[in-house]
């Protein structure tokens, strides 16, 4: 893996974690909010995805939608 890829993964992970923190949403809360929009996933799985920083754009948008993030800062 190219170092640049790790930098992008770190950036996207930080972006999602910052949005969760800004809204005081825990991983357990996120599971419930995702379930509310029809996305079924476990807390450990979500925690691992975010921790690794390797997740799809679809997962990112699902999370942002679930927590009500209409805008994000890059």
PDB file of N, CA and C in Angstrom:
ATOM      1  N   UNK A   1       0.838  -1.180   0.000  1.00  0.00           N
ATOM      2  CA  UNK A   1       0.000   0.000   0.000  1.00  0.00           C
ATOM      3  C   UNK A   1       0.888   1.249   0.000  1.00  0.00           C
ATOM      4  N   UNK A   2       0.520   2.191  -0.782  1.00  0.00           N
ATOM      5  CA  UNK A   2       1.257   3.442  -0.884  1.00  0.00           C
ATOM      6  C   UNK A   2       0.981   4.290   0.357  1.00  0.00           C
ATOM      7  N   UNK A   3       1.985   4.996   0.814  1.00  0.00           N
ATOM      8  CA  UNK A   3       1.849   5.841   2.002  1.00  0.00           C
ATOM      9  C   UNK A   3       0.699   6.823   1.822  1.00  0.00           C
ATOM     10  N   UNK A   4       0.532   7.341   0.626  1.00  0.00           N
ATOM     11  CA  UNK A   4      -0.535   8.293   0.362  1.00  0.00           C
ATOM     12  C   UNK A   4      -1.907   7.691   0.666  1.00  0.00           C
ATOM     13  N   UNK A   5      -2.090   6.407   0.366  1.00  0.00           N
ATOM     14  CA  UNK A   5      -3.358   5.751   0.661  1.00  0.00           C
ATOM     15  C   UNK A   5      -3.648   5.776   2.157  1.00  0.00           C
ATOM     16  N   UNK A   6      -2.622   5.511   2.952  1.00  0.00           N
ATOM     17  CA  UNK A   6      -2.803   5.539   4.406  1.00  0.00           C
ATOM     18  C   UNK A   6      -3.193   6.937   4.872  1.00  0.00           C
ATOM     19  N   UNK A   7      -2.622   7.949   4.250  1.00  0.00           N
ATOM     20  CA  UNK A   7      -2.965   9.321   4.608  1.00  0.00           C
ATOM     21  C   UNK A   7      -4.432   9.617   4.290  1.00  0.00           C
ATOM     22  N   UNK A   8      -4.911   9.140   3.145  1.00  0.00           N
ATOM     23  CA  UNK A   8      -6.323   9.343   2.792  1.00  0.00           C
ATOM     24  C   UNK A   8      -7.237   8.590   3.755  1.00  0.00           C
ATOM     25  N   UNK A   9      -6.851   7.358   4.097  1.00  0.00           N
ATOM     26  CA  UNK A   9      -7.651   6.575   5.050  1.00  0.00           C
ATOM     27  C   UNK A   9      -7.716   7.284   6.393  1.00  0.00           C
ATOM     28  N   UNK A  10      -6.603   7.812   6.834  1.00  0.00           N
ATOM     29  CA  UNK A  10      -6.564   8.534   8.100  1.00  0.00           C
ATOM     30  C   UNK A  10      -7.443   9.787   8.043  1.00  0.00           C
ATOM     31  N   UNK A  11      -7.411  10.450   6.920  1.00  0.00           N
ATOM     32  CA  UNK A  11      -8.216  11.673   6.761  1.00  0.00           C
ATOM     33  C   UNK A  11      -9.713  11.367   6.801  1.00  0.00           C
ATOM     34  N   UNK A  12     -10.139  10.333   6.084  1.00  0.00           N
ATOM     35  CA  UNK A  12     -11.569  10.015   6.055  1.00  0.00           C
ATOM     36  C   UNK A  12     -12.035   9.473   7.408  1.00  0.00           C
ATOM     37  N   UNK A  13     -11.175   8.709   8.067  1.00  0.00           N
ATOM     38  CA  UNK A  13     -11.500   8.212   9.407  1.00  0.00           C
ATOM     39  C   UNK A  13     -11.669   9.387  10.365  1.00  0.00           C
ATOM     40  N   UNK A  14     -10.754  10.334  10.312  1.00  0.00           N
ATOM     41  CA  UNK A  14     -10.824  11.511  11.171  1.00  0.00           C
ATOM     42  C   UNK A  14     -12.059  12.344  10.903  1.00  0.00           C
ATOM     43  N   UNK A  15     -12.430  12.452   9.634  1.00  0.00           N
ATOM     44  CA  UNK A  15     -13.620  13.214   9.259  1.00  0.00           C
ATOM     45  C   UNK A  15     -14.872  12.606   9.889  1.00  0.00           C
ATOM     46  N   UNK A  16     -15.029  11.294   9.759  1.00  0.00           N
ATOM     47  CA  UNK A  16     -16.211  10.635  10.321  1.00  0.00           C
ATOM     48  C   UNK A  16     -16.210  10.698  11.845  1.00  0.00           C
ATOM     49  N   UNK A  17     -15.062  10.444  12.451  1.00  0.00           N
ATOM     50  CA  UNK A  17     -14.985  10.492  13.917  1.00  0.00           C
ATOM     51  C   UNK A  17     -15.285  11.896  14.440  1.00  0.00           C
ATOM     52  N   UNK A  18     -14.826  12.918  13.724  1.00  0.00           N
ATOM     53  CA  UNK A  18     -15.091  14.299  14.136  1.00  0.00           C
ATOM     54  C   UNK A  18     -16.581  14.611  14.068  1.00  0.00           C
ATOM     55  N   UNK A  19     -17.250  14.128  13.029  1.00  0.00           N
ATOM     56  CA  UNK A  19     -18.692  14.372  12.904  1.00  0.00           C
ATOM     57  C   UNK A  19     -19.455  13.639  14.005  1.00  0.00           C
ATOM     58  N   UNK A  20     -19.031  12.435  14.347  1.00  0.00           N
ATOM     59  CA  UNK A  20     -19.672  11.697  15.440  1.00  0.00           C
ATOM     60  C   UNK A  20     -19.480  12.442  16.756  1.00  0.00           C
ATOM     61  N   UNK A  21     -18.266  12.895  17.001  1.00  0.00           N
ATOM     62  CA  UNK A  21     -17.958  13.602  18.250  1.00  0.00           C
ATOM     63  C   UNK A  21     -18.716  14.924  18.326  1.00  0.00           C
ATOM     64  N   UNK A  22     -18.765  15.642  17.223  1.00  0.00           N
ATOM     65  CA  UNK A  22     -19.454  16.932  17.176  1.00  0.00           C
ATOM     66  C   UNK A  22     -20.928  16.791  17.582  1.00  0.00           C
ATOM     67  N   UNK A  23     -21.496  15.639  17.276  1.00  0.00           N
ATOM     68  CA  UNK A  23     -22.911  15.395  17.579  1.00  0.00           C
ATOM     69  C   UNK A  23     -23.108  14.513  18.811  1.00  0.00           C
ATOM     70  N   UNK A  24     -22.021  14.223  19.523  1.00  0.00           N
ATOM     71  CA  UNK A  24     -22.064  13.353  20.709  1.00  0.00           C
ATOM     72  C   UNK A  24     -22.726  12.010  20.415  1.00  0.00           C
ATOM     73  N   UNK A  25     -22.355  11.405  19.293  1.00  0.00           N
ATOM     74  CA  UNK A  25     -22.906  10.113  18.891  1.00  0.00           C
ATOM     75  C   UNK A  25     -21.869   9.037  19.168  1.00  0.00           C
ATOM     76  N   UNK A  26     -22.220   8.084  20.011  1.00  0.00           N
ATOM     77  CA  UNK A  26     -21.343   6.952  20.297  1.00  0.00           C
ATOM     78  C   UNK A  26     -21.514   5.897  19.206  1.00  0.00           C
ATOM     79  N   UNK A  27     -20.644   4.900  19.205  1.00  0.00           N
ATOM     80  CA  UNK A  27     -20.792   3.809  18.238  1.00  0.00           C
ATOM     81  C   UNK A  27     -22.113   3.079  18.468  1.00  0.00           C
ATOM     82  N   UNK A  28     -22.498   2.901  19.720  1.00  0.00           N
ATOM     83  CA  UNK A  28     -23.783   2.253  20.023  1.00  0.00           C
ATOM     84  C   UNK A  28     -24.937   3.091  19.473  1.00  0.00           C
ATOM     85  N   UNK A  29     -24.848   4.409  19.641  1.00  0.00           N
ATOM     86  CA  UNK A  29     -25.872   5.293  19.077  1.00  0.00           C
ATOM     87  C   UNK A  29     -25.910   5.165  17.563  1.00  0.00           C
ATOM     88  N   UNK A  30     -24.739   5.102  16.958  1.00  0.00           N
ATOM     89  CA  UNK A  30     -24.657   5.013  15.500  1.00  0.00           C
ATOM     90  C   UNK A  30     -25.336   3.755  14.991  1.00  0.00           C
ATOM     91  N   UNK A  31     -25.153   2.636  15.697  1.00  0.00           N
ATOM     92  CA  UNK A  31     -25.814   1.384  15.314  1.00  0.00           C
ATOM     93  C   UNK A  31     -27.326   1.606  15.245  1.00  0.00           C
ATOM     94  N   UNK A  32     -27.886   2.235  16.273  1.00  0.00           N
ATOM     95  CA  UNK A  32     -29.319   2.493  16.306  1.00  0.00           C
ATOM     96  C   UNK A  32     -29.773   3.429  15.196  1.00  0.00           C
ATOM     97  N   UNK A  33     -28.971   4.465  14.944  1.00  0.00           N
ATOM     98  CA  UNK A  33     -29.325   5.429  13.898  1.00  0.00           C
ATOM     99  C   UNK A  33     -29.236   4.797  12.515  1.00  0.00           C
ATOM    100  N   UNK A  34     -28.239   3.945  12.311  1.00  0.00           N
ATOM    101  CA  UNK A  34     -28.134   3.233  11.038  1.00  0.00           C
ATOM    102  C   UNK A  34     -29.306   2.278  10.846  1.00  0.00           C
ATOM    103  N   UNK A  35     -29.685   1.589  11.920  1.00  0.00           N
ATOM    104  CA  UNK A  35     -30.830   0.690  11.858  1.00  0.00           C
ATOM    105  C   UNK A  35     -32.080   1.481  11.452  1.00  0.00           C
ATOM    106  N   UNK A  36     -32.186   2.705  11.960  1.00  0.00           N
ATOM    107  CA  UNK A  36     -33.322   3.563  11.634  1.00  0.00           C
ATOM    108  C   UNK A  36     -33.440   3.902  10.161  1.00  0.00           C
ATOM    109  N   UNK A  37     -32.324   3.838   9.424  1.00  0.00           N
ATOM    110  CA  UNK A  37     -32.383   4.096   7.987  1.00  0.00           C
ATOM    111  C   UNK A  37     -32.255   2.799   7.181  1.00  0.00           C
ATOM    112  N   UNK A  38     -32.379   1.653   7.886  1.00  0.00           N
ATOM    113  CA  UNK A  38     -32.394   0.358   7.211  1.00  0.00           C
ATOM    114  C   UNK A  38     -31.043  -0.301   7.004  1.00  0.00           C
ATOM    115  N   UNK A  39     -30.012   0.192   7.706  1.00  0.00           N
ATOM    116  CA  UNK A  39     -28.675  -0.392   7.578  1.00  0.00           C
ATOM    117  C   UNK A  39     -28.390  -1.205   8.835  1.00  0.00           C
ATOM    118  N   UNK A  40     -28.273  -2.503   8.663  1.00  0.00           N
ATOM    119  CA  UNK A  40     -28.057  -3.382   9.794  1.00  0.00           C
ATOM    120  C   UNK A  40     -26.569  -3.720   9.908  1.00  0.00           C
ATOM    121  N   UNK A  41     -25.987  -3.407  11.055  1.00  0.00           N
ATOM    122  CA  UNK A  41     -24.584  -3.709  11.310  1.00  0.00           C
ATOM    123  C   UNK A  41     -24.382  -3.762  12.813  1.00  0.00           C
ATOM    124  N   UNK A  42     -23.360  -4.478  13.243  1.00  0.00           N
ATOM    125  CA  UNK A  42     -23.104  -4.607  14.682  1.00  0.00           C
ATOM    126  C   UNK A  42     -22.145  -3.519  15.142  1.00  0.00           C
ATOM    127  N   UNK A  43     -22.184  -3.234  16.430  1.00  0.00           N
ATOM    128  CA  UNK A  43     -21.274  -2.232  16.990  1.00  0.00           C
ATOM    129  C   UNK A  43     -19.806  -2.619  16.802  1.00  0.00           C
ATOM    130  N   UNK A  44     -19.423  -3.879  17.098  1.00  0.00           N
ATOM    131  CA  UNK A  44     -18.007  -4.231  16.885  1.00  0.00           C
ATOM    132  C   UNK A  44     -17.574  -4.057  15.426  1.00  0.00           C
ATOM    133  N   UNK A  45     -18.442  -4.403  14.488  1.00  0.00           N
ATOM    134  CA  UNK A  45     -18.104  -4.278  13.077  1.00  0.00           C
ATOM    135  C   UNK A  45     -17.930  -2.806  12.691  1.00  0.00           C
ATOM    136  N   UNK A  46     -18.828  -1.962  13.162  1.00  0.00           N
ATOM    137  CA  UNK A  46     -18.737  -0.524  12.879  1.00  0.00           C
ATOM    138  C   UNK A  46     -17.477   0.052  13.510  1.00  0.00           C
ATOM    139  N   UNK A  47     -17.222  -0.326  14.738  1.00  0.00           N
ATOM    140  CA  UNK A  47     -16.026   0.157  15.440  1.00  0.00           C
ATOM    141  C   UNK A  47     -14.759  -0.218  14.660  1.00  0.00           C
ATOM    142  N   UNK A  48     -14.701  -1.464  14.170  1.00  0.00           N
ATOM    143  CA  UNK A  48     -13.531  -1.926  13.411  1.00  0.00           C
ATOM    144  C   UNK A  48     -13.390  -1.192  12.085  1.00  0.00           C
ATOM    145  N   UNK A  49     -14.497  -1.015  11.376  1.00  0.00           N
ATOM    146  CA  UNK A  49     -14.451  -0.299  10.094  1.00  0.00           C
ATOM    147  C   UNK A  49     -13.872   1.098  10.281  1.00  0.00           C
ATOM    148  N   UNK A  50     -14.423   1.809  11.257  1.00  0.00           N
ATOM    149  CA  UNK A  50     -13.991   3.188  11.475  1.00  0.00           C
ATOM    150  C   UNK A  50     -12.553   3.226  11.985  1.00  0.00           C
ATOM    151  N   UNK A  51     -12.202   2.305  12.859  1.00  0.00           N
ATOM    152  CA  UNK A  51     -10.847   2.255  13.402  1.00  0.00           C
ATOM    153  C   UNK A  51      -9.811   2.038  12.305  1.00  0.00           C
ATOM    154  N   UNK A  52     -10.124   1.156  11.370  1.00  0.00           N
ATOM    155  CA  UNK A  52      -9.194   0.877  10.271  1.00  0.00           C
ATOM    156  C   UNK A  52      -9.159   2.026   9.264  1.00  0.00           C
ATOM    157  N   UNK A  53     -10.274   2.757   9.158  1.00  0.00           N
ATOM    158  CA  UNK A  53     -10.347   3.822   8.163  1.00  0.00           C
ATOM    159  C   UNK A  53     -10.579   3.283   6.768  1.00  0.00           C
ATOM    160  N   UNK A  54     -10.910   2.014   6.685  1.00  0.00           N
ATOM    161  CA  UNK A  54     -11.168   1.378   5.388  1.00  0.00           C
ATOM    162  C   UNK A  54     -12.648   1.037   5.305  1.00  0.00           C
ATOM    163  N   UNK A  55     -13.383   1.927   4.681  1.00  0.00           N
ATOM    164  CA  UNK A  55     -14.793   1.673   4.458  1.00  0.00           C
ATOM    165  C   UNK A  55     -15.208   2.363   3.170  1.00  0.00           C
ATOM    166  N   UNK A  56     -16.321   1.947   2.654  1.00  0.00           N
ATOM    167  CA  UNK A  56     -16.765   2.468   1.365  1.00  0.00           C
ATOM    168  C   UNK A  56     -17.355   3.868   1.510  1.00  0.00           C
ATOM    169  N   UNK A  57     -17.448   4.538   0.390  1.00  0.00           N
ATOM    170  CA  UNK A  57     -18.125   5.837   0.358  1.00  0.00           C
ATOM    171  C   UNK A  57     -19.585   5.659   0.751  1.00  0.00           C
ATOM    172  N   UNK A  58     -20.164   4.540   0.388  1.00  0.00           N
ATOM    173  CA  UNK A  58     -21.551   4.255   0.744  1.00  0.00           C
ATOM    174  C   UNK A  58     -21.702   4.232   2.264  1.00  0.00           C
ATOM    175  N   UNK A  59     -20.801   3.539   2.957  1.00  0.00           N
ATOM    176  CA  UNK A  59     -20.867   3.481   4.420  1.00  0.00           C
ATOM    177  C   UNK A  59     -20.711   4.876   5.021  1.00  0.00           C
ATOM    178  N   UNK A  60     -19.784   5.666   4.486  1.00  0.00           N
ATOM    179  CA  UNK A  60     -19.576   7.030   4.977  1.00  0.00           C
ATOM    180  C   UNK A  60     -20.861   7.846   4.842  1.00  0.00           C
ATOM    181  N   UNK A  61     -21.487   7.806   3.678  1.00  0.00           N
ATOM    182  CA  UNK A  61     -22.714   8.577   3.443  1.00  0.00           C
ATOM    183  C   UNK A  61     -23.855   8.047   4.308  1.00  0.00           C
ATOM    184  N   UNK A  62     -23.921   6.735   4.494  1.00  0.00           N
ATOM    185  CA  UNK A  62     -24.950   6.166   5.383  1.00  0.00           C
ATOM    186  C   UNK A  62     -24.781   6.705   6.795  1.00  0.00           C
ATOM    187  N   UNK A  63     -23.545   6.715   7.294  1.00  0.00           N
ATOM    188  CA  UNK A  63     -23.294   7.213   8.647  1.00  0.00           C
ATOM    189  C   UNK A  63     -23.637   8.687   8.761  1.00  0.00           C
ATOM    190  N   UNK A  64     -23.179   9.477   7.803  1.00  0.00           N
ATOM    191  CA  UNK A  64     -23.441  10.918   7.845  1.00  0.00           C
ATOM    192  C   UNK A  64     -24.935  11.209   7.767  1.00  0.00           C
ATOM    193  N   UNK A  65     -25.645  10.467   6.928  1.00  0.00           N
ATOM    194  CA  UNK A  65     -27.097  10.630   6.822  1.00  0.00           C
ATOM    195  C   UNK A  65     -27.775  10.249   8.136  1.00  0.00           C
ATOM    196  N   UNK A  66     -27.356   9.118   8.710  1.00  0.00           N
ATOM    197  CA  UNK A  66     -27.959   8.615   9.947  1.00  0.00           C
ATOM    198  C   UNK A  66     -27.800   9.614  11.099  1.00  0.00           C
ATOM    199  N   UNK A  67     -26.668  10.319  11.156  1.00  0.00           N
ATOM    200  CA  UNK A  67     -26.450  11.253  12.266  1.00  0.00           C
ATOM    201  C   UNK A  67     -26.928  12.661  11.938  1.00  0.00           C
ATOM    202  N   UNK A  68     -27.471  12.834  10.730  1.00  0.00           N
ATOM    203  CA  UNK A  68     -28.033  14.142  10.375  1.00  0.00           C
ATOM    204  C   UNK A  68     -27.010  15.166   9.943  1.00  0.00           C
ATOM    205  N   UNK A  69     -25.882  14.703   9.423  1.00  0.00           N
ATOM    206  CA  UNK A  69     -24.835  15.632   8.950  1.00  0.00           C
ATOM    207  C   UNK A  69     -25.165  16.018   7.502  1.00  0.00           C
ATOM    208  N   UNK A  70     -25.678  17.211   7.326  1.00  0.00           N
ATOM    209  CA  UNK A  70     -26.027  17.692   5.995  1.00  0.00           C
ATOM    210  C   UNK A  70     -24.831  18.326   5.287  1.00  0.00           C
ATOM    211  N   UNK A  71     -23.865  18.764   6.080  1.00  0.00           N
ATOM    212  CA  UNK A  71     -22.653  19.367   5.543  1.00  0.00           C
ATOM    213  C   UNK A  71     -21.467  18.815   6.323  1.00  0.00           C
ATOM    214  N   UNK A  72     -20.331  18.702   5.640  1.00  0.00           N
ATOM    215  CA  UNK A  72     -19.112  18.297   6.329  1.00  0.00           C
ATOM    216  C   UNK A  72     -17.995  19.254   5.930  1.00  0.00           C
ATOM    217  N   UNK A  73     -17.026  19.399   6.803  1.00  0.00           N
ATOM    218  CA  UNK A  73     -15.865  20.232   6.539  1.00  0.00           C
ATOM    219  C   UNK A  73     -14.697  19.337   6.141  1.00  0.00           C
ATOM    220  N   UNK A  74     -14.104  19.644   4.995  1.00  0.00           N
ATOM    221  CA  UNK A  74     -12.966  18.838   4.531  1.00  0.00           C
ATOM    222  C   UNK A  74     -11.664  19.476   4.943  1.00  0.00           C
TER     223      UNK A  74
END
